[in-house]
């Protein structure tokens, strides 16, 4: 749907006014400690997944079957193969 330049400029002015008039409420703010804990947990999970991929790569290079790897990581061998084969190749 084509818009005129005037419509676009009017919309931009409306958005600018909403931005300039915005007053944050206490309920709008995020708890900094909760955000920090979540960020740390995400980083830890990322590190753990990197360690897991490295361990699976090493296990495959050492000749372990997908079935054996699956039993160590708590899945079937097929599930382990599907999850890690493209990451360890």
PDB file of N, CA and C in Angstrom:
ATOM      1  N   UNK A   1       0.845  -1.153   0.000  1.00  0.00           N
ATOM      2  CA  UNK A   1       0.000   0.000   0.000  1.00  0.00           C
ATOM      3  C   UNK A   1       0.903   1.233   0.000  1.00  0.00           C
ATOM      4  N   UNK A   2       0.916   1.971  -1.081  1.00  0.00           N
ATOM      5  CA  UNK A   2       1.776   3.158  -1.164  1.00  0.00           C
ATOM      6  C   UNK A   2       1.344   4.239  -0.176  1.00  0.00           C
ATOM      7  N   UNK A   3       2.329   4.919   0.379  1.00  0.00           N
ATOM      8  CA  UNK A   3       2.059   6.010   1.319  1.00  0.00           C
ATOM      9  C   UNK A   3       2.708   7.262   0.778  1.00  0.00           C
ATOM     10  N   UNK A   4       2.085   8.359   1.053  1.00  0.00           N
ATOM     11  CA  UNK A   4       2.649   9.618   0.585  1.00  0.00           C
ATOM     12  C   UNK A   4       3.769  10.046   1.527  1.00  0.00           C
ATOM     13  N   UNK A   5       4.563  10.957   1.051  1.00  0.00           N
ATOM     14  CA  UNK A   5       5.643  11.500   1.870  1.00  0.00           C
ATOM     15  C   UNK A   5       5.060  12.198   3.089  1.00  0.00           C
ATOM     16  N   UNK A   6       3.962  12.901   2.907  1.00  0.00           N
ATOM     17  CA  UNK A   6       3.326  13.598   4.029  1.00  0.00           C
ATOM     18  C   UNK A   6       2.863  12.610   5.099  1.00  0.00           C
ATOM     19  N   UNK A   7       2.284  11.470   4.688  1.00  0.00           N
ATOM     20  CA  UNK A   7       1.846  10.457   5.649  1.00  0.00           C
ATOM     21  C   UNK A   7       3.029   9.872   6.415  1.00  0.00           C
ATOM     22  N   UNK A   8       4.100   9.622   5.707  1.00  0.00           N
ATOM     23  CA  UNK A   8       5.303   9.079   6.350  1.00  0.00           C
ATOM     24  C   UNK A   8       5.869  10.076   7.351  1.00  0.00           C
ATOM     25  N   UNK A   9       5.938  11.344   6.976  1.00  0.00           N
ATOM     26  CA  UNK A   9       6.458  12.373   7.873  1.00  0.00           C
ATOM     27  C   UNK A   9       5.546  12.567   9.081  1.00  0.00           C
ATOM     28  N   UNK A  10       4.239  12.510   8.886  1.00  0.00           N
ATOM     29  CA  UNK A  10       3.302  12.642   9.994  1.00  0.00           C
ATOM     30  C   UNK A  10       3.483  11.479  10.972  1.00  0.00           C
ATOM     31  N   UNK A  11       3.643  10.277  10.431  1.00  0.00           N
ATOM     32  CA  UNK A  11       3.841   9.114  11.287  1.00  0.00           C
ATOM     33  C   UNK A  11       5.161   9.245  12.060  1.00  0.00           C
ATOM     34  N   UNK A  12       6.196   9.715  11.395  1.00  0.00           N
ATOM     35  CA  UNK A  12       7.487   9.913  12.059  1.00  0.00           C
ATOM     36  C   UNK A  12       7.365  10.928  13.188  1.00  0.00           C
ATOM     37  N   UNK A  13       6.621  11.993  12.946  1.00  0.00           N
ATOM     38  CA  UNK A  13       6.401  12.997  13.994  1.00  0.00           C
ATOM     39  C   UNK A  13       5.648  12.407  15.178  1.00  0.00           C
ATOM     40  N   UNK A  14       4.636  11.577  14.905  1.00  0.00           N
ATOM     41  CA  UNK A  14       3.881  10.939  15.980  1.00  0.00           C
ATOM     42  C   UNK A  14       4.783  10.022  16.814  1.00  0.00           C
ATOM     43  N   UNK A  15       5.626   9.253  16.135  1.00  0.00           N
ATOM     44  CA  UNK A  15       6.544   8.364  16.852  1.00  0.00           C
ATOM     45  C   UNK A  15       7.544   9.164  17.687  1.00  0.00           C
ATOM     46  N   UNK A  16       8.059  10.243  17.122  1.00  0.00           N
ATOM     47  CA  UNK A  16       9.014  11.080  17.857  1.00  0.00           C
ATOM     48  C   UNK A  16       8.356  11.677  19.099  1.00  0.00           C
ATOM     49  N   UNK A  17       7.123  12.121  18.968  1.00  0.00           N
ATOM     50  CA  UNK A  17       6.418  12.694  20.116  1.00  0.00           C
ATOM     51  C   UNK A  17       6.194  11.635  21.191  1.00  0.00           C
ATOM     52  N   UNK A  18       5.792  10.428  20.790  1.00  0.00           N
ATOM     53  CA  UNK A  18       5.608   9.352  21.776  1.00  0.00           C
ATOM     54  C   UNK A  18       6.917   9.050  22.489  1.00  0.00           C
ATOM     55  N   UNK A  19       8.022   9.053  21.758  1.00  0.00           N
ATOM     56  CA  UNK A  19       9.327   8.789  22.353  1.00  0.00           C
ATOM     57  C   UNK A  19       9.710   9.891  23.339  1.00  0.00           C
ATOM     58  N   UNK A  20       9.543  11.122  22.936  1.00  0.00           N
ATOM     59  CA  UNK A  20       9.922  12.248  23.782  1.00  0.00           C
ATOM     60  C   UNK A  20       9.042  12.364  25.023  1.00  0.00           C
ATOM     61  N   UNK A  21       7.773  11.978  24.910  1.00  0.00           N
ATOM     62  CA  UNK A  21       6.840  12.082  26.036  1.00  0.00           C
ATOM     63  C   UNK A  21       6.849  10.866  26.944  1.00  0.00           C
ATOM     64  N   UNK A  22       7.589   9.854  26.591  1.00  0.00           N
ATOM     65  CA  UNK A  22       7.558   8.612  27.364  1.00  0.00           C
ATOM     66  C   UNK A  22       8.187   8.807  28.736  1.00  0.00           C
ATOM     67  N   UNK A  23       7.472   8.384  29.747  1.00  0.00           N
ATOM     68  CA  UNK A  23       7.972   8.390  31.116  1.00  0.00           C
ATOM     69  C   UNK A  23       7.935   6.948  31.612  1.00  0.00           C
ATOM     70  N   UNK A  24       9.092   6.363  31.868  1.00  0.00           N
ATOM     71  CA  UNK A  24       9.090   4.969  32.311  1.00  0.00           C
ATOM     72  C   UNK A  24       8.436   4.817  33.677  1.00  0.00           C
ATOM     73  N   UNK A  25       7.764   3.689  33.861  1.00  0.00           N
ATOM     74  CA  UNK A  25       7.160   3.357  35.145  1.00  0.00           C
ATOM     75  C   UNK A  25       8.052   2.317  35.805  1.00  0.00           C
ATOM     76  N   UNK A  26       7.982   2.256  37.114  1.00  0.00           N
ATOM     77  CA  UNK A  26       8.804   1.289  37.855  1.00  0.00           C
ATOM     78  C   UNK A  26       8.552  -0.135  37.367  1.00  0.00           C
ATOM     79  N   UNK A  27       7.312  -0.450  37.008  1.00  0.00           N
ATOM     80  CA  UNK A  27       6.972  -1.788  36.535  1.00  0.00           C
ATOM     81  C   UNK A  27       7.549  -2.112  35.171  1.00  0.00           C
ATOM     82  N   UNK A  28       7.981  -1.083  34.426  1.00  0.00           N
ATOM     83  CA  UNK A  28       8.557  -1.298  33.097  1.00  0.00           C
ATOM     84  C   UNK A  28      10.022  -1.694  33.161  1.00  0.00           C
ATOM     85  N   UNK A  29      10.657  -1.434  34.288  1.00  0.00           N
ATOM     86  CA  UNK A  29      12.093  -1.693  34.389  1.00  0.00           C
ATOM     87  C   UNK A  29      12.350  -3.162  34.678  1.00  0.00           C
ATOM     88  N   UNK A  30      13.443  -3.665  34.134  1.00  0.00           N
ATOM     89  CA  UNK A  30      13.849  -5.045  34.377  1.00  0.00           C
ATOM     90  C   UNK A  30      14.712  -5.105  35.622  1.00  0.00           C
ATOM     91  N   UNK A  31      14.587  -6.192  36.349  1.00  0.00           N
ATOM     92  CA  UNK A  31      15.417  -6.419  37.526  1.00  0.00           C
ATOM     93  C   UNK A  31      16.831  -6.732  37.051  1.00  0.00           C
ATOM     94  N   UNK A  32      17.775  -5.861  37.362  1.00  0.00           N
ATOM     95  CA  UNK A  32      19.150  -6.001  36.875  1.00  0.00           C
ATOM     96  C   UNK A  32      19.789  -7.303  37.346  1.00  0.00           C
ATOM     97  N   UNK A  33      19.507  -7.709  38.575  1.00  0.00           N
ATOM     98  CA  UNK A  33      20.094  -8.955  39.086  1.00  0.00           C
ATOM     99  C   UNK A  33      19.536 -10.154  38.322  1.00  0.00           C
ATOM    100  N   UNK A  34      18.242 -10.156  38.057  1.00  0.00           N
ATOM    101  CA  UNK A  34      17.636 -11.261  37.311  1.00  0.00           C
ATOM    102  C   UNK A  34      18.207 -11.344  35.903  1.00  0.00           C
ATOM    103  N   UNK A  35      18.377 -10.197  35.258  1.00  0.00           N
ATOM    104  CA  UNK A  35      18.945 -10.170  33.914  1.00  0.00           C
ATOM    105  C   UNK A  35      20.389 -10.678  33.941  1.00  0.00           C
ATOM    106  N   UNK A  36      21.168 -10.254  34.933  1.00  0.00           N
ATOM    107  CA  UNK A  36      22.553 -10.707  35.045  1.00  0.00           C
ATOM    108  C   UNK A  36      22.626 -12.208  35.267  1.00  0.00           C
ATOM    109  N   UNK A  37      21.737 -12.738  36.109  1.00  0.00           N
ATOM    110  CA  UNK A  37      21.716 -14.183  36.344  1.00  0.00           C
ATOM    111  C   UNK A  37      21.362 -14.948  35.082  1.00  0.00           C
ATOM    112  N   UNK A  38      20.391 -14.454  34.333  1.00  0.00           N
ATOM    113  CA  UNK A  38      20.025 -15.109  33.078  1.00  0.00           C
ATOM    114  C   UNK A  38      21.164 -15.076  32.073  1.00  0.00           C
ATOM    115  N   UNK A  39      21.819 -13.929  31.954  1.00  0.00           N
ATOM    116  CA  UNK A  39      22.943 -13.817  31.013  1.00  0.00           C
ATOM    117  C   UNK A  39      24.062 -14.767  31.398  1.00  0.00           C
ATOM    118  N   UNK A  40      24.359 -14.874  32.697  1.00  0.00           N
ATOM    119  CA  UNK A  40      25.406 -15.782  33.155  1.00  0.00           C
ATOM    120  C   UNK A  40      25.022 -17.233  32.871  1.00  0.00           C
ATOM    121  N   UNK A  41      23.754 -17.578  33.094  1.00  0.00           N
ATOM    122  CA  UNK A  41      23.298 -18.944  32.838  1.00  0.00           C
ATOM    123  C   UNK A  41      23.390 -19.289  31.358  1.00  0.00           C
ATOM    124  N   UNK A  42      23.039 -18.345  30.505  1.00  0.00           N
ATOM    125  CA  UNK A  42      23.139 -18.572  29.059  1.00  0.00           C
ATOM    126  C   UNK A  42      24.602 -18.776  28.661  1.00  0.00           C
ATOM    127  N   UNK A  43      25.489 -17.974  29.215  1.00  0.00           N
ATOM    128  CA  UNK A  43      26.918 -18.122  28.913  1.00  0.00           C
ATOM    129  C   UNK A  43      27.447 -19.468  29.395  1.00  0.00           C
ATOM    130  N   UNK A  44      27.021 -19.888  30.592  1.00  0.00           N
ATOM    131  CA  UNK A  44      27.440 -21.185  31.113  1.00  0.00           C
ATOM    132  C   UNK A  44      26.931 -22.324  30.239  1.00  0.00           C
ATOM    133  N   UNK A  45      25.671 -22.220  29.807  1.00  0.00           N
ATOM    134  CA  UNK A  45      25.105 -23.259  28.940  1.00  0.00           C
ATOM    135  C   UNK A  45      25.862 -23.319  27.622  1.00  0.00           C
ATOM    136  N   UNK A  46      26.233 -22.165  27.090  1.00  0.00           N
ATOM    137  CA  UNK A  46      26.999 -22.122  25.846  1.00  0.00           C
ATOM    138  C   UNK A  46      28.357 -22.786  26.027  1.00  0.00           C
ATOM    139  N   UNK A  47      29.023 -22.476  27.149  1.00  0.00           N
ATOM    140  CA  UNK A  47      30.317 -23.107  27.439  1.00  0.00           C
ATOM    141  C   UNK A  47      30.165 -24.615  27.591  1.00  0.00           C
ATOM    142  N   UNK A  48      29.104 -25.039  28.280  1.00  0.00           N
ATOM    143  CA  UNK A  48      28.871 -26.477  28.484  1.00  0.00           C
ATOM    144  C   UNK A  48      28.618 -27.172  27.147  1.00  0.00           C
ATOM    145  N   UNK A  49      27.871 -26.545  26.278  1.00  0.00           N
ATOM    146  CA  UNK A  49      27.606 -27.151  24.970  1.00  0.00           C
ATOM    147  C   UNK A  49      28.891 -27.252  24.149  1.00  0.00           C
ATOM    148  N   UNK A  50      29.756 -26.231  24.246  1.00  0.00           N
ATOM    149  CA  UNK A  50      31.050 -26.291  23.552  1.00  0.00           C
ATOM    150  C   UNK A  50      31.893 -27.437  24.091  1.00  0.00           C
ATOM    151  N   UNK A  51      31.890 -27.619  25.423  1.00  0.00           N
ATOM    152  CA  UNK A  51      32.622 -28.729  26.028  1.00  0.00           C
ATOM    153  C   UNK A  51      32.051 -30.067  25.558  1.00  0.00           C
ATOM    154  N   UNK A  52      30.719 -30.144  25.479  1.00  0.00           N
ATOM    155  CA  UNK A  52      30.072 -31.377  25.041  1.00  0.00           C
ATOM    156  C   UNK A  52      30.465 -31.712  23.609  1.00  0.00           C
ATOM    157  N   UNK A  53      30.452 -30.739  22.733  1.00  0.00           N
ATOM    158  CA  UNK A  53      30.836 -30.974  21.338  1.00  0.00           C
ATOM    159  C   UNK A  53      32.289 -31.436  21.268  1.00  0.00           C
ATOM    160  N   UNK A  54      33.167 -30.787  22.024  1.00  0.00           N
ATOM    161  CA  UNK A  54      34.576 -31.206  22.046  1.00  0.00           C
ATOM    162  C   UNK A  54      34.713 -32.638  22.553  1.00  0.00           C
ATOM    163  N   UNK A  55      33.965 -32.988  23.605  1.00  0.00           N
ATOM    164  CA  UNK A  55      34.036 -34.332  24.168  1.00  0.00           C
ATOM    165  C   UNK A  55      33.498 -35.370  23.178  1.00  0.00           C
ATOM    166  N   UNK A  56      32.409 -35.037  22.508  1.00  0.00           N
ATOM    167  CA  UNK A  56      31.848 -35.960  21.519  1.00  0.00           C
ATOM    168  C   UNK A  56      32.820 -36.125  20.363  1.00  0.00           C
ATOM    169  N   UNK A  57      33.428 -35.050  19.906  1.00  0.00           N
ATOM    170  CA  UNK A  57      34.421 -35.133  18.829  1.00  0.00           C
ATOM    171  C   UNK A  57      35.561 -36.061  19.243  1.00  0.00           C
ATOM    172  N   UNK A  58      36.064 -35.863  20.449  1.00  0.00           N
ATOM    173  CA  UNK A  58      37.160 -36.695  20.944  1.00  0.00           C
ATOM    174  C   UNK A  58      36.720 -38.162  21.046  1.00  0.00           C
ATOM    175  N   UNK A  59      35.505 -38.383  21.540  1.00  0.00           N
ATOM    176  CA  UNK A  59      34.991 -39.749  21.663  1.00  0.00           C
ATOM    177  C   UNK A  59      34.875 -40.417  20.295  1.00  0.00           C
ATOM    178  N   UNK A  60      34.385 -39.688  19.310  1.00  0.00           N
ATOM    179  CA  UNK A  60      34.274 -40.260  17.965  1.00  0.00           C
ATOM    180  C   UNK A  60      35.640 -40.560  17.389  1.00  0.00           C
ATOM    181  N   UNK A  61      36.595 -39.647  17.591  1.00  0.00           N
ATOM    182  CA  UNK A  61      37.960 -39.878  17.100  1.00  0.00           C
ATOM    183  C   UNK A  61      38.595 -41.080  17.789  1.00  0.00           C
ATOM    184  N   UNK A  62      38.190 -41.346  19.028  1.00  0.00           N
ATOM    185  CA  UNK A  62      38.709 -42.490  19.781  1.00  0.00           C
ATOM    186  C   UNK A  62      37.971 -43.785  19.435  1.00  0.00           C
ATOM    187  N   UNK A  63      36.962 -43.685  18.563  1.00  0.00           N
ATOM    188  CA  UNK A  63      36.280 -44.880  18.102  1.00  0.00           C
ATOM    189  C   UNK A  63      35.002 -45.247  18.827  1.00  0.00           C
ATOM    190  N   UNK A  64      34.519 -44.413  19.735  1.00  0.00           N
ATOM    191  CA  UNK A  64      33.267 -44.721  20.422  1.00  0.00           C
ATOM    192  C   UNK A  64      32.101 -44.652  19.442  1.00  0.00           C
ATOM    193  N   UNK A  65      31.170 -45.559  19.603  1.00  0.00           N
ATOM    194  CA  UNK A  65      29.986 -45.575  18.742  1.00  0.00           C
ATOM    195  C   UNK A  65      29.009 -44.492  19.183  1.00  0.00           C
ATOM    196  N   UNK A  66      28.087 -44.166  18.277  1.00  0.00           N
ATOM    197  CA  UNK A  66      27.050 -43.215  18.627  1.00  0.00           C
ATOM    198  C   UNK A  66      26.182 -43.764  19.745  1.00  0.00           C
ATOM    199  N   UNK A  67      25.999 -45.065  19.770  1.00  0.00           N
ATOM    200  CA  UNK A  67      25.218 -45.688  20.828  1.00  0.00           C
ATOM    201  C   UNK A  67      25.867 -45.463  22.194  1.00  0.00           C
ATOM    202  N   UNK A  68      27.188 -45.648  22.259  1.00  0.00           N
ATOM    203  CA  UNK A  68      27.906 -45.436  23.521  1.00  0.00           C
ATOM    204  C   UNK A  68      27.846 -43.962  23.931  1.00  0.00           C
ATOM    205  N   UNK A  69      28.038 -43.079  22.965  1.00  0.00           N
ATOM    206  CA  UNK A  69      27.982 -41.643  23.253  1.00  0.00           C
ATOM    207  C   UNK A  69      26.578 -41.275  23.743  1.00  0.00           C
ATOM    208  N   UNK A  70      25.569 -41.801  23.077  1.00  0.00           N
ATOM    209  CA  UNK A  70      24.194 -41.531  23.479  1.00  0.00           C
ATOM    210  C   UNK A  70      23.928 -41.957  24.908  1.00  0.00           C
ATOM    211  N   UNK A  71      24.461 -43.110  25.309  1.00  0.00           N
ATOM    212  CA  UNK A  71      24.217 -43.559  26.684  1.00  0.00           C
ATOM    213  C   UNK A  71      24.891 -42.638  27.692  1.00  0.00           C
ATOM    214  N   UNK A  72      26.034 -42.074  27.335  1.00  0.00           N
ATOM    215  CA  UNK A  72      26.703 -41.141  28.248  1.00  0.00           C
ATOM    216  C   UNK A  72      25.968 -39.807  28.361  1.00  0.00           C
ATOM    217  N   UNK A  73      25.390 -39.345  27.251  1.00  0.00           N
ATOM    218  CA  UNK A  73      24.726 -38.040  27.281  1.00  0.00           C
ATOM    219  C   UNK A  73      23.237 -38.147  27.594  1.00  0.00           C
ATOM    220  N   UNK A  74      22.754 -39.369  27.811  1.00  0.00           N
ATOM    221  CA  UNK A  74      21.379 -39.552  28.240  1.00  0.00           C
ATOM    222  C   UNK A  74      20.358 -39.593  27.129  1.00  0.00           C
ATOM    223  N   UNK A  75      20.797 -39.984  25.933  1.00  0.00           N
ATOM    224  CA  UNK A  75      19.868 -40.114  24.806  1.00  0.00           C
ATOM    225  C   UNK A  75      20.162 -41.425  24.088  1.00  0.00           C
ATOM    226  N   UNK A  76      19.427 -41.655  23.048  1.00  0.00           N
ATOM    227  CA  UNK A  76      19.746 -42.806  22.205  1.00  0.00           C
ATOM    228  C   UNK A  76      20.951 -42.455  21.338  1.00  0.00           C
ATOM    229  N   UNK A  77      21.549 -43.471  20.779  1.00  0.00           N
ATOM    230  CA  UNK A  77      22.671 -43.234  19.872  1.00  0.00           C
ATOM    231  C   UNK A  77      22.254 -42.427  18.663  1.00  0.00           C
ATOM    232  N   UNK A  78      21.056 -42.710  18.149  1.00  0.00           N
ATOM    233  CA  UNK A  78      20.558 -41.980  16.983  1.00  0.00           C
ATOM    234  C   UNK A  78      20.330 -40.515  17.318  1.00  0.00           C
ATOM    235  N   UNK A  79      19.780 -40.252  18.490  1.00  0.00           N
ATOM    236  CA  UNK A  79      19.558 -38.861  18.896  1.00  0.00           C
ATOM    237  C   UNK A  79      20.890 -38.133  19.056  1.00  0.00           C
ATOM    238  N   UNK A  80      21.880 -38.803  19.630  1.00  0.00           N
ATOM    239  CA  UNK A  80      23.210 -38.194  19.775  1.00  0.00           C
ATOM    240  C   UNK A  80      23.816 -37.916  18.406  1.00  0.00           C
ATOM    241  N   UNK A  81      23.674 -38.882  17.494  1.00  0.00           N
ATOM    242  CA  UNK A  81      24.217 -38.696  16.148  1.00  0.00           C
ATOM    243  C   UNK A  81      23.545 -37.515  15.461  1.00  0.00           C
ATOM    244  N   UNK A  82      22.217 -37.433  15.573  1.00  0.00           N
ATOM    245  CA  UNK A  82      21.495 -36.333  14.925  1.00  0.00           C
ATOM    246  C   UNK A  82      21.904 -34.978  15.510  1.00  0.00           C
ATOM    247  N   UNK A  83      22.125 -34.951  16.803  1.00  0.00           N
ATOM    248  CA  UNK A  83      22.448 -33.674  17.445  1.00  0.00           C
ATOM    249  C   UNK A  83      23.891 -33.238  17.194  1.00  0.00           C
ATOM    250  N   UNK A  84      24.835 -34.185  17.207  1.00  0.00           N
ATOM    251  CA  UNK A  84      26.249 -33.802  17.201  1.00  0.00           C
ATOM    252  C   UNK A  84      27.033 -34.124  15.937  1.00  0.00           C
ATOM    253  N   UNK A  85      26.527 -34.974  15.068  1.00  0.00           N
ATOM    254  CA  UNK A  85      27.356 -35.403  13.936  1.00  0.00           C
ATOM    255  C   UNK A  85      27.799 -34.241  13.048  1.00  0.00           C
ATOM    256  N   UNK A  86      26.928 -33.272  12.809  1.00  0.00           N
ATOM    257  CA  UNK A  86      27.320 -32.149  11.961  1.00  0.00           C
ATOM    258  C   UNK A  86      28.275 -31.200  12.678  1.00  0.00           C
ATOM    259  N   UNK A  87      28.286 -31.233  14.019  1.00  0.00           N
ATOM    260  CA  UNK A  87      29.137 -30.323  14.784  1.00  0.00           C
ATOM    261  C   UNK A  87      30.533 -30.882  15.015  1.00  0.00           C
ATOM    262  N   UNK A  88      30.676 -32.214  14.899  1.00  0.00           N
ATOM    263  CA  UNK A  88      31.973 -32.819  15.184  1.00  0.00           C
ATOM    264  C   UNK A  88      32.728 -33.189  13.923  1.00  0.00           C
ATOM    265  N   UNK A  89      32.076 -33.045  12.787  1.00  0.00           N
ATOM    266  CA  UNK A  89      32.712 -33.426  11.515  1.00  0.00           C
ATOM    267  C   UNK A  89      33.720 -32.414  11.068  1.00  0.00           C
TER     268      UNK A  89
END
